[in-house]
Amino acid sequence: MNEERTAIQWLEAVHSGRTTSKAIMAHFLSRIAALEPRVHAWAHLAEDKARAEADRLDDQAISGPLHGLPVGVKDLFDTCDMPTGYGSDIYRGHRPPSDAAVVALIRRSGGIVPGKTVTTEFAFFTPGKTRNPHDLGRTPGGSSSGSAAAVAAGMVPLALGTQTAGSIIRPASYCGIVGYKPSVGLISPAGLKMASWSLDTVGVFARTVPDAALLGSVLTGRTLPGTSSGLLRPPRIGICRTPQWSEAEESTRAAIGEARRRLLDAGASVSDVDLPAPFDGLLGAQHVIMVHEAARSLAFERDRHADLISDRLLELIDEGGRTPVERYDEAQHLARICRKRLGRVFANVDVLLTPSAVGEAPVLAEGTGNPVFNRIWTLLGTPCVNLPGLSGPGRLPVGVQVIGPLRHDERTLSWAQWIASRIDPDGPVFPGAASPLR
């Protein structure tokens, strides 16, 4: 067995008796040992505990849908048995008394948490130490930096992330993996260090759509198929460039064009979809809501530990503190209006196809990248899936984003798998597998 196997294939090997939880854990820990010194995806590792848990699982019957699989946990989620630092020096060595809800559900389902993955400071924009496995001089994106990089490098088959602006879809695009941001509120945020109660959304990283659906099913309690086998026809796809299209680099423009060509060749119905005029204001509304709520969510940290907060985050918090509540209410009102109009947007299409990111991953000195193509969908709360398989002029990943109607996650994932299999029928090549890290 090798690192190219999917999470579902690892599980099938366990169920058939061809491997054990101990062997799976040994494989992934060896990947971590080999690549972590260069990728820096982990804030904390608990290797001995992970091995002990794998041994315990091998001594009992299959315990759940994630039996024996290692799952990376973004260091924004509380864990009772290892430090949780939220990407901030304020919480260095912090030990929560309990697990976040999603961590408890992963463990109940037989998943093993080998450690905590790096997050940017309180899931905002100040970078952590993580590098992009496809090019160590590039960012993996933020804020779910470590989770995306760990999955892309084959250190874990699955990982948790969160999105307030673009922190799942953008890193997934940069790292060439699947990122699934569910409909807002579908996964419990209990035990998450929240920045924005209206926007923060728990999601997952995986190598394939079915793998993402597997972890999503555990966390939502819903059956998320992640396959296209039940679909009776090709999808009706709307190419939606969004009002931010002018910010797309040539690599993203080319990726959308190439995806369109391949999907038309596969029999899909593809048309252009323009968003109604009120949607033009959503980008600004998302920012207003984010900073207004962050100023309140991080009030303790701002008042007691301002010296340990980065200048950029302090500026955002203080901007939120100065924002009149009337502007916040107007932004929320616009979001409600646009959510009501989503039915018209999806009237003649099953899903939208939009950019996932501005382009290829920027160099480290430029930060974690621009979430301009993710912000409005986070505010609207729609399910979003980044699909890998295309690349830019630097031979780095460039993803495309599949967006479905609000609360239609099951169908969105099914359509996403149909699209993924046509965009890249052979599946993406991951760094450290067919090619060395560079």
Protein backbone atom coordinates (compact mmCIF):
# COMPACT_ATOMS: atom_id res chain seq x y z
CA MET A 1 0.00 0.00 0.00
CA ASN A 2 1.22 3.54 -0.64
CA GLU A 3 0.42 7.19 -0.04
CA GLU A 4 -1.68 7.40 -3.21
CA ARG A 5 -4.49 5.40 -1.59
CA THR A 6 -7.63 7.29 -0.66
CA ALA A 7 -9.19 7.26 2.80
CA ILE A 8 -11.93 4.96 1.55
CA GLN A 9 -9.37 2.54 0.09
CA TRP A 10 -7.51 2.44 3.42
CA LEU A 11 -10.80 1.63 5.17
CA GLU A 12 -11.60 -1.11 2.66
CA ALA A 13 -8.20 -2.67 3.38
CA VAL A 14 -8.93 -2.65 7.12
CA HIS A 15 -12.37 -4.19 6.65
CA SER A 16 -10.98 -6.93 4.40
CA GLY A 17 -8.18 -7.74 6.85
CA ARG A 18 -5.45 -6.71 4.38
CA THR A 19 -4.06 -4.14 6.81
CA THR A 20 -4.41 -2.95 10.38
CA SER A 21 -4.88 0.34 12.17
CA LYS A 22 -1.33 -0.02 13.47
CA ALA A 23 0.04 -0.39 9.93
CA ILE A 24 -1.96 2.59 8.69
CA MET A 25 -0.69 4.76 11.53
CA ALA A 26 2.89 3.64 10.98
CA HIS A 27 2.62 4.58 7.31
CA PHE A 28 1.33 8.09 7.95
CA LEU A 29 3.70 8.77 10.84
CA SER A 30 6.60 7.82 8.58
CA ARG A 31 5.32 10.35 6.04
CA ILE A 32 5.18 12.99 8.75
CA ALA A 33 8.70 12.17 9.91
CA ALA A 34 10.03 12.43 6.37
CA LEU A 35 8.26 15.61 5.26
CA GLU A 36 7.43 17.68 8.33
CA PRO A 37 10.95 19.17 8.62
CA ARG A 38 10.30 20.88 5.26
CA VAL A 39 6.53 21.42 5.18
CA HIS A 40 5.96 22.47 8.82
CA ALA A 41 2.27 21.51 8.80
CA TRP A 42 1.98 20.64 12.51
CA ALA A 43 1.65 22.80 15.61
CA HIS A 44 1.75 19.73 17.86
CA LEU A 45 2.25 16.00 17.32
CA ALA A 46 1.19 13.21 19.67
CA GLU A 47 2.76 10.22 17.95
CA ASP A 48 2.89 7.89 20.95
CA LYS A 49 -0.77 8.48 21.72
CA ALA A 50 -1.67 7.89 18.08
CA ARG A 51 0.20 4.57 18.03
CA ALA A 52 -1.42 3.49 21.29
CA GLU A 53 -4.87 4.33 19.95
CA ALA A 54 -4.19 2.35 16.76
CA ASP A 55 -3.14 -0.65 18.85
CA ARG A 56 -6.32 -0.35 20.92
CA LEU A 57 -8.48 -0.28 17.79
CA ASP A 58 -6.80 -3.42 16.46
CA ASP A 59 -7.83 -5.24 19.65
CA GLN A 60 -11.54 -4.66 19.02
CA ALA A 61 -14.13 -4.95 16.30
CA ILE A 62 -14.52 -2.26 13.65
CA SER A 63 -15.66 0.71 15.72
CA GLY A 64 -17.01 3.20 13.21
CA PRO A 65 -16.81 4.71 9.73
CA LEU A 66 -13.33 6.20 10.30
CA HIS A 67 -11.83 3.14 12.01
CA GLY A 68 -8.05 3.59 12.23
CA LEU A 69 -7.82 6.63 9.96
CA PRO A 70 -5.63 9.54 11.13
CA VAL A 71 -7.39 12.93 10.89
CA GLY A 72 -5.53 16.22 11.19
CA VAL A 73 -7.22 18.77 13.44
CA LYS A 74 -6.72 22.49 12.85
CA ASP A 75 -5.32 24.10 15.98
CA LEU A 76 -8.43 26.22 16.28
CA PHE A 77 -10.42 23.30 17.75
CA ASP A 78 -10.16 22.35 21.41
CA THR A 79 -8.57 19.01 22.26
CA CYS A 80 -8.57 17.68 25.80
CA ASP A 81 -5.34 15.70 25.47
CA MET A 82 -3.03 18.06 23.61
CA PRO A 83 -2.35 21.82 23.51
CA THR A 84 -4.64 24.17 21.62
CA GLY A 85 -2.99 27.46 20.75
CA TYR A 86 -5.36 29.04 18.18
CA GLY A 87 -2.27 30.22 16.28
CA SER A 88 -1.51 32.82 18.96
CA ASP A 89 1.24 33.29 21.53
CA ILE A 90 -1.49 34.28 23.98
CA TYR A 91 -2.53 30.63 24.23
CA ARG A 92 0.87 28.96 24.08
CA GLY A 93 0.57 25.70 26.08
CA HIS A 94 -3.18 26.17 26.63
CA ARG A 95 -4.93 22.92 27.66
CA PRO A 96 -8.71 22.90 27.17
CA PRO A 97 -10.71 20.61 29.48
CA SER A 98 -12.73 19.03 26.66
CA ASP A 99 -12.74 18.19 22.97
CA ALA A 100 -14.51 20.29 20.38
CA ALA A 101 -17.68 18.60 19.11
CA VAL A 102 -16.10 17.64 15.79
CA VAL A 103 -13.06 16.11 17.50
CA ALA A 104 -15.31 14.04 19.78
CA LEU A 105 -17.30 12.83 16.75
CA ILE A 106 -14.12 11.84 14.89
CA ARG A 107 -12.91 9.82 17.87
CA ARG A 108 -16.32 8.23 18.41
CA SER A 109 -16.20 7.11 14.77
CA GLY A 110 -12.82 5.41 15.16
CA GLY A 111 -10.70 8.23 13.80
CA ILE A 112 -7.34 8.98 15.42
CA VAL A 113 -5.99 12.50 15.97
CA PRO A 114 -2.18 12.37 15.57
CA GLY A 115 -1.80 16.08 16.25
CA LYS A 116 -2.86 19.67 15.66
CA THR A 117 -2.26 21.37 12.34
CA VAL A 118 -1.01 24.93 11.99
CA THR A 119 -3.53 27.76 11.77
CA THR A 120 -2.89 31.41 11.12
CA GLU A 121 -3.38 33.71 14.12
CA PHE A 122 -7.00 33.23 15.28
CA ALA A 123 -7.74 32.09 11.69
CA PHE A 124 -7.09 35.51 10.20
CA PHE A 125 -4.26 36.59 7.90
CA THR A 126 -0.96 36.51 9.81
CA PRO A 127 0.88 33.47 8.38
CA GLY A 128 2.15 30.51 10.35
CA LYS A 129 5.21 28.41 9.55
CA THR A 130 3.64 26.06 6.98
CA ARG A 131 4.93 25.72 3.41
CA ASN A 132 3.14 24.56 0.27
CA PRO A 133 4.18 20.95 -0.47
CA HIS A 134 4.12 21.65 -4.23
CA ASP A 135 6.69 24.44 -3.85
CA LEU A 136 8.25 25.15 -0.48
CA GLY A 137 8.72 28.79 -1.39
CA ARG A 138 4.96 29.28 -1.74
CA THR A 139 2.14 29.67 0.75
CA PRO A 140 -0.30 26.82 1.33
CA GLY A 141 -2.97 29.48 1.87
CA GLY A 142 -4.71 30.39 5.07
CA SER A 143 -6.05 30.10 7.57
CA SER A 144 -6.24 26.30 7.44
CA SER A 145 -2.62 26.17 6.32
CA GLY A 146 -1.44 23.05 8.12
CA SER A 147 -4.50 20.96 7.37
CA ALA A 148 -4.34 21.61 3.63
CA ALA A 149 -0.58 21.02 3.46
CA ALA A 150 -0.74 17.86 5.57
CA VAL A 151 -3.34 16.27 3.28
CA ALA A 152 -1.53 17.39 0.12
CA ALA A 153 1.78 15.94 1.39
CA GLY A 154 0.18 12.62 2.31
CA MET A 155 0.74 13.07 6.05
CA VAL A 156 -2.95 12.36 6.75
CA PRO A 157 -5.80 11.34 4.46
CA LEU A 158 -8.30 13.75 6.07
CA ALA A 159 -8.19 16.99 8.02
CA LEU A 160 -10.43 19.62 9.58
CA GLY A 161 -10.53 23.27 8.56
CA THR A 162 -12.66 26.36 9.04
CA GLN A 163 -13.70 29.17 6.73
CA THR A 164 -14.59 32.75 7.66
CA ALA A 165 -13.58 34.32 4.34
CA GLY A 166 -11.78 31.73 2.18
CA SER A 167 -9.87 29.48 4.56
CA ILE A 168 -10.94 26.11 3.17
CA ILE A 169 -11.43 26.64 -0.55
CA ARG A 170 -8.35 28.82 -1.15
CA PRO A 171 -5.82 26.52 0.63
CA ALA A 172 -7.37 23.52 -1.12
CA SER A 173 -6.86 25.25 -4.45
CA TYR A 174 -3.24 26.19 -3.69
CA CYS A 175 -2.42 22.70 -2.41
CA GLY A 176 -4.23 20.77 -5.14
CA ILE A 177 -6.71 18.87 -2.95
CA VAL A 178 -10.45 18.75 -2.32
CA GLY A 179 -11.83 21.25 0.14
CA TYR A 180 -15.47 21.05 1.22
CA LYS A 181 -17.14 23.98 2.96
CA PRO A 182 -20.63 22.81 3.94
CA SER A 183 -23.73 24.93 4.16
CA VAL A 184 -23.36 27.23 7.13
CA GLY A 185 -24.52 25.67 10.40
CA LEU A 186 -24.47 22.09 9.11
CA ILE A 187 -21.54 21.15 11.39
CA SER A 188 -21.42 22.11 15.06
CA PRO A 189 -18.86 24.83 15.93
CA ALA A 190 -18.89 23.93 19.65
CA GLY A 191 -15.32 24.02 20.94
CA LEU A 192 -14.08 26.17 18.07
CA LYS A 193 -12.33 29.46 18.84
CA MET A 194 -14.75 31.64 16.92
CA ALA A 195 -13.98 34.95 15.25
CA SER A 196 -17.33 35.54 13.54
CA TRP A 197 -20.46 33.74 14.65
CA SER A 198 -22.28 34.59 11.39
CA LEU A 199 -19.50 33.40 9.08
CA ASP A 200 -17.32 30.74 10.73
CA THR A 201 -17.98 27.42 9.02
CA VAL A 202 -16.40 24.05 9.82
CA GLY A 203 -15.25 22.04 6.81
CA VAL A 204 -12.91 19.31 5.64
CA PHE A 205 -9.90 18.56 3.44
CA ALA A 206 -9.38 15.32 1.53
CA ARG A 207 -7.82 14.01 -1.65
CA THR A 208 -11.13 13.07 -3.30
CA VAL A 209 -14.76 14.13 -3.13
CA PRO A 210 -15.89 10.73 -1.74
CA ASP A 211 -13.30 11.03 1.04
CA ALA A 212 -14.52 14.53 1.88
CA ALA A 213 -18.09 13.26 1.92
CA LEU A 214 -17.07 10.44 4.27
CA LEU A 215 -15.76 12.85 6.91
CA GLY A 216 -18.61 15.25 6.23
CA SER A 217 -21.11 12.48 6.93
CA VAL A 218 -19.50 11.76 10.29
CA LEU A 219 -19.60 15.42 11.30
CA THR A 220 -23.12 16.20 10.06
CA GLY A 221 -24.92 12.95 10.82
CA ARG A 222 -26.21 13.03 7.24
CA THR A 223 -25.63 10.65 4.36
CA LEU A 224 -23.39 12.60 2.02
CA PRO A 225 -22.76 10.20 -0.88
CA GLY A 226 -19.93 12.01 -2.64
CA THR A 227 -20.46 9.85 -5.73
CA SER A 228 -22.23 10.49 -9.00
CA SER A 229 -23.67 6.99 -9.34
CA GLY A 230 -27.21 8.07 -8.46
CA LEU A 231 -27.37 10.91 -10.98
CA LEU A 232 -29.67 10.28 -13.94
CA ARG A 233 -28.31 12.94 -16.29
CA PRO A 234 -25.29 15.18 -16.80
CA PRO A 235 -25.38 18.38 -14.75
CA ARG A 236 -26.53 21.82 -15.80
CA ILE A 237 -23.56 24.00 -14.89
CA GLY A 238 -23.53 27.76 -14.65
CA ILE A 239 -20.18 29.46 -15.19
CA CYS A 240 -20.27 32.34 -12.70
CA ARG A 241 -17.29 34.65 -12.93
CA THR A 242 -18.68 36.86 -10.11
CA PRO A 243 -18.23 40.64 -9.92
CA GLN A 244 -14.59 40.04 -8.87
CA TRP A 245 -13.57 38.46 -12.19
CA SER A 246 -11.20 41.32 -13.03
CA GLU A 247 -8.94 40.18 -10.16
CA ALA A 248 -8.45 36.70 -11.62
CA GLU A 249 -4.97 35.95 -12.95
CA GLU A 250 -4.54 34.35 -16.35
CA SER A 251 -4.05 30.92 -14.72
CA THR A 252 -7.51 31.07 -13.17
CA ARG A 253 -9.12 32.40 -16.35
CA ALA A 254 -7.51 29.56 -18.28
CA ALA A 255 -8.60 26.97 -15.70
CA ILE A 256 -12.25 28.05 -15.93
CA GLY A 257 -12.03 27.95 -19.72
CA GLU A 258 -10.41 24.50 -19.75
CA ALA A 259 -12.96 23.15 -17.26
CA ARG A 260 -15.76 24.48 -19.45
CA ARG A 261 -14.33 22.74 -22.53
CA ARG A 262 -13.90 19.39 -20.78
CA LEU A 263 -17.38 19.50 -19.24
CA LEU A 264 -19.03 20.33 -22.55
CA ASP A 265 -17.15 17.43 -24.15
CA ALA A 266 -18.47 15.15 -21.39
CA GLY A 267 -22.08 16.08 -22.15
CA ALA A 268 -22.81 18.67 -19.48
CA SER A 269 -25.02 21.65 -20.19
CA VAL A 270 -22.86 24.73 -19.58
CA SER A 271 -24.11 28.31 -19.62
CA ASP A 272 -23.05 31.66 -18.23
CA VAL A 273 -24.76 32.93 -15.07
CA ASP A 274 -24.63 36.52 -13.89
CA LEU A 275 -25.46 37.40 -10.31
CA PRO A 276 -28.25 39.93 -9.65
CA ALA A 277 -27.16 43.52 -9.01
CA PRO A 278 -27.55 43.44 -5.18
CA PHE A 279 -24.84 40.74 -5.04
CA ASP A 280 -22.28 43.41 -6.01
CA GLY A 281 -22.35 44.66 -2.41
CA LEU A 282 -21.72 41.28 -0.74
CA LEU A 283 -17.93 41.53 -0.75
CA GLY A 284 -18.01 44.68 1.35
CA ALA A 285 -20.79 43.30 3.52
CA GLN A 286 -18.75 40.21 4.36
CA HIS A 287 -15.86 42.36 5.52
CA VAL A 288 -18.08 44.57 7.68
CA ILE A 289 -19.67 41.55 9.37
CA MET A 290 -16.32 39.81 9.87
CA VAL A 291 -14.53 42.71 11.55
CA HIS A 292 -17.56 43.81 13.60
CA GLU A 293 -17.96 40.31 15.07
CA ALA A 294 -14.21 39.75 15.47
CA ALA A 295 -13.96 42.90 17.60
CA ARG A 296 -16.46 41.35 19.98
CA SER A 297 -15.27 37.73 19.82
CA LEU A 298 -11.68 38.77 20.58
CA ALA A 299 -12.49 41.47 23.15
CA PHE A 300 -10.64 39.67 25.96
CA GLU A 301 -7.51 39.19 23.89
CA ARG A 302 -7.59 42.82 22.69
CA ASP A 303 -8.02 44.21 26.20
CA ARG A 304 -5.60 41.95 28.07
CA HIS A 305 -2.96 40.84 25.54
CA ALA A 306 -2.76 43.45 22.78
CA ASP A 307 1.03 43.21 22.85
CA LEU A 308 0.80 39.58 21.70
CA ILE A 309 -1.52 40.28 18.75
CA SER A 310 -0.10 41.01 15.30
CA ASP A 311 -0.39 44.56 13.99
CA ARG A 312 -2.60 43.46 11.10
CA LEU A 313 -5.09 41.69 13.34
CA LEU A 314 -5.12 44.61 15.78
CA GLU A 315 -6.03 46.89 12.90
CA LEU A 316 -8.94 44.62 11.90
CA ILE A 317 -10.20 44.33 15.47
CA ASP A 318 -10.05 48.08 15.98
CA GLU A 319 -11.73 48.67 12.63
CA GLY A 320 -14.54 46.39 13.79
CA GLY A 321 -14.79 48.28 17.06
CA ARG A 322 -15.23 51.55 15.16
CA THR A 323 -17.80 50.15 12.73
CA PRO A 324 -21.27 51.59 13.50
CA VAL A 325 -23.81 48.94 14.34
CA GLU A 326 -26.03 50.43 11.64
CA ARG A 327 -23.49 49.41 8.98
CA TYR A 328 -23.39 45.91 10.43
CA ASP A 329 -27.19 45.70 10.34
CA GLU A 330 -27.22 46.92 6.74
CA ALA A 331 -24.68 44.27 5.77
CA GLN A 332 -26.73 41.52 7.40
CA HIS A 333 -29.87 42.84 5.68
CA LEU A 334 -28.16 42.69 2.27
CA ALA A 335 -27.05 39.13 2.97
CA ARG A 336 -30.64 38.11 3.79
CA ILE A 337 -31.92 39.70 0.57
CA CYS A 338 -29.34 37.90 -1.55
CA ARG A 339 -29.97 34.53 0.14
CA LYS A 340 -33.64 34.87 -0.82
CA ARG A 341 -32.60 35.50 -4.42
CA LEU A 342 -30.41 32.43 -4.64
CA GLY A 343 -33.40 30.48 -5.93
CA ARG A 344 -33.35 32.63 -9.07
CA VAL A 345 -29.61 32.15 -9.48
CA PHE A 346 -30.04 28.35 -9.47
CA ALA A 347 -33.33 28.34 -11.40
CA ASN A 348 -31.82 26.82 -14.56
CA VAL A 349 -28.62 25.23 -13.26
CA ASP A 350 -27.74 22.52 -10.75
CA VAL A 351 -24.46 24.08 -9.60
CA LEU A 352 -22.27 27.07 -10.30
CA LEU A 353 -18.62 26.84 -11.33
CA THR A 354 -16.48 29.78 -10.17
CA PRO A 355 -12.82 30.49 -9.44
CA SER A 356 -11.44 29.09 -6.18
CA ALA A 357 -8.59 31.58 -5.95
CA VAL A 358 -7.02 34.46 -7.83
CA GLY A 359 -4.36 32.15 -9.28
CA GLU A 360 -1.51 29.89 -8.24
CA ALA A 361 -0.20 30.06 -4.67
CA PRO A 362 1.75 33.29 -4.05
CA VAL A 363 5.30 33.28 -2.71
CA LEU A 364 5.56 33.25 1.07
CA ALA A 365 6.52 36.92 1.34
CA GLU A 366 3.17 37.92 -0.19
CA GLY A 367 1.10 36.33 2.59
CA THR A 368 -1.59 33.67 2.46
CA GLY A 369 -3.37 34.89 -0.67
CA ASN A 370 -6.51 36.81 -1.54
CA PRO A 371 -9.89 35.24 -0.61
CA VAL A 372 -11.81 37.53 -2.97
CA PHE A 373 -13.49 34.61 -4.80
CA ASN A 374 -14.67 32.98 -1.56
CA ARG A 375 -16.00 35.79 0.63
CA ILE A 376 -19.46 36.19 -0.88
CA TRP A 377 -20.21 32.46 -0.82
CA THR A 378 -19.15 32.23 2.82
CA LEU A 379 -21.55 35.07 3.63
CA LEU A 380 -24.35 33.42 1.65
CA GLY A 381 -23.67 30.13 3.45
CA THR A 382 -23.79 27.96 0.33
CA PRO A 383 -21.99 24.60 0.07
CA CYS A 384 -18.69 24.95 -1.83
CA VAL A 385 -16.22 22.34 -3.08
CA ASN A 386 -12.76 22.99 -4.49
CA LEU A 387 -11.81 20.56 -7.22
CA PRO A 388 -8.13 20.01 -8.14
CA GLY A 389 -6.68 18.72 -11.38
CA LEU A 390 -5.75 21.85 -13.32
CA SER A 391 -2.52 23.84 -13.11
CA GLY A 392 -1.07 27.21 -13.99
CA PRO A 393 2.05 28.36 -15.83
CA GLY A 394 4.24 27.54 -12.82
CA ARG A 395 2.89 23.95 -12.87
CA LEU A 396 1.23 24.65 -9.54
CA PRO A 397 -2.39 23.70 -8.74
CA VAL A 398 -5.27 25.95 -9.76
CA GLY A 399 -8.64 24.77 -8.47
CA VAL A 400 -12.19 25.44 -9.56
CA GLN A 401 -15.03 25.94 -7.11
CA VAL A 402 -18.36 24.12 -7.33
CA ILE A 403 -21.18 25.93 -5.52
CA GLY A 404 -24.61 24.47 -4.82
CA PRO A 405 -27.89 25.81 -3.47
CA LEU A 406 -28.03 26.46 0.27
CA ARG A 407 -28.68 23.26 2.27
CA HIS A 408 -28.37 21.06 -0.81
CA ASP A 409 -25.03 19.55 0.20
CA GLU A 410 -25.85 15.99 -0.83
CA ARG A 411 -26.57 16.91 -4.43
CA THR A 412 -23.74 19.43 -4.54
CA LEU A 413 -21.20 16.75 -3.59
CA SER A 414 -22.65 14.32 -6.13
CA TRP A 415 -22.44 16.90 -8.92
CA ALA A 416 -18.95 17.86 -7.72
CA GLN A 417 -17.79 14.26 -8.10
CA TRP A 418 -19.27 14.08 -11.60
CA ILE A 419 -17.42 17.27 -12.52
CA ALA A 420 -14.17 16.15 -10.85
CA SER A 421 -14.11 12.89 -12.81
CA ARG A 422 -14.47 14.82 -16.08
CA ILE A 423 -12.01 17.60 -15.31
CA ASP A 424 -9.31 15.17 -14.22
CA PRO A 425 -10.28 11.54 -14.94
CA ASP A 426 -6.89 10.19 -13.82
CA GLY A 427 -6.91 12.07 -10.50
CA PRO A 428 -4.30 14.61 -9.38
CA VAL A 429 -0.67 13.78 -8.70
CA PHE A 430 0.42 14.69 -5.19
CA PRO A 431 3.81 16.01 -4.08
CA GLY A 432 6.13 13.51 -2.48
CA ALA A 433 4.45 10.66 -4.34
CA ALA A 434 5.25 10.74 -8.06
CA SER A 435 7.45 13.81 -7.70
CA PRO A 436 9.73 15.10 -4.93
CA LEU A 437 9.02 18.16 -2.86
CA ARG A 438 10.72 21.19 -4.33
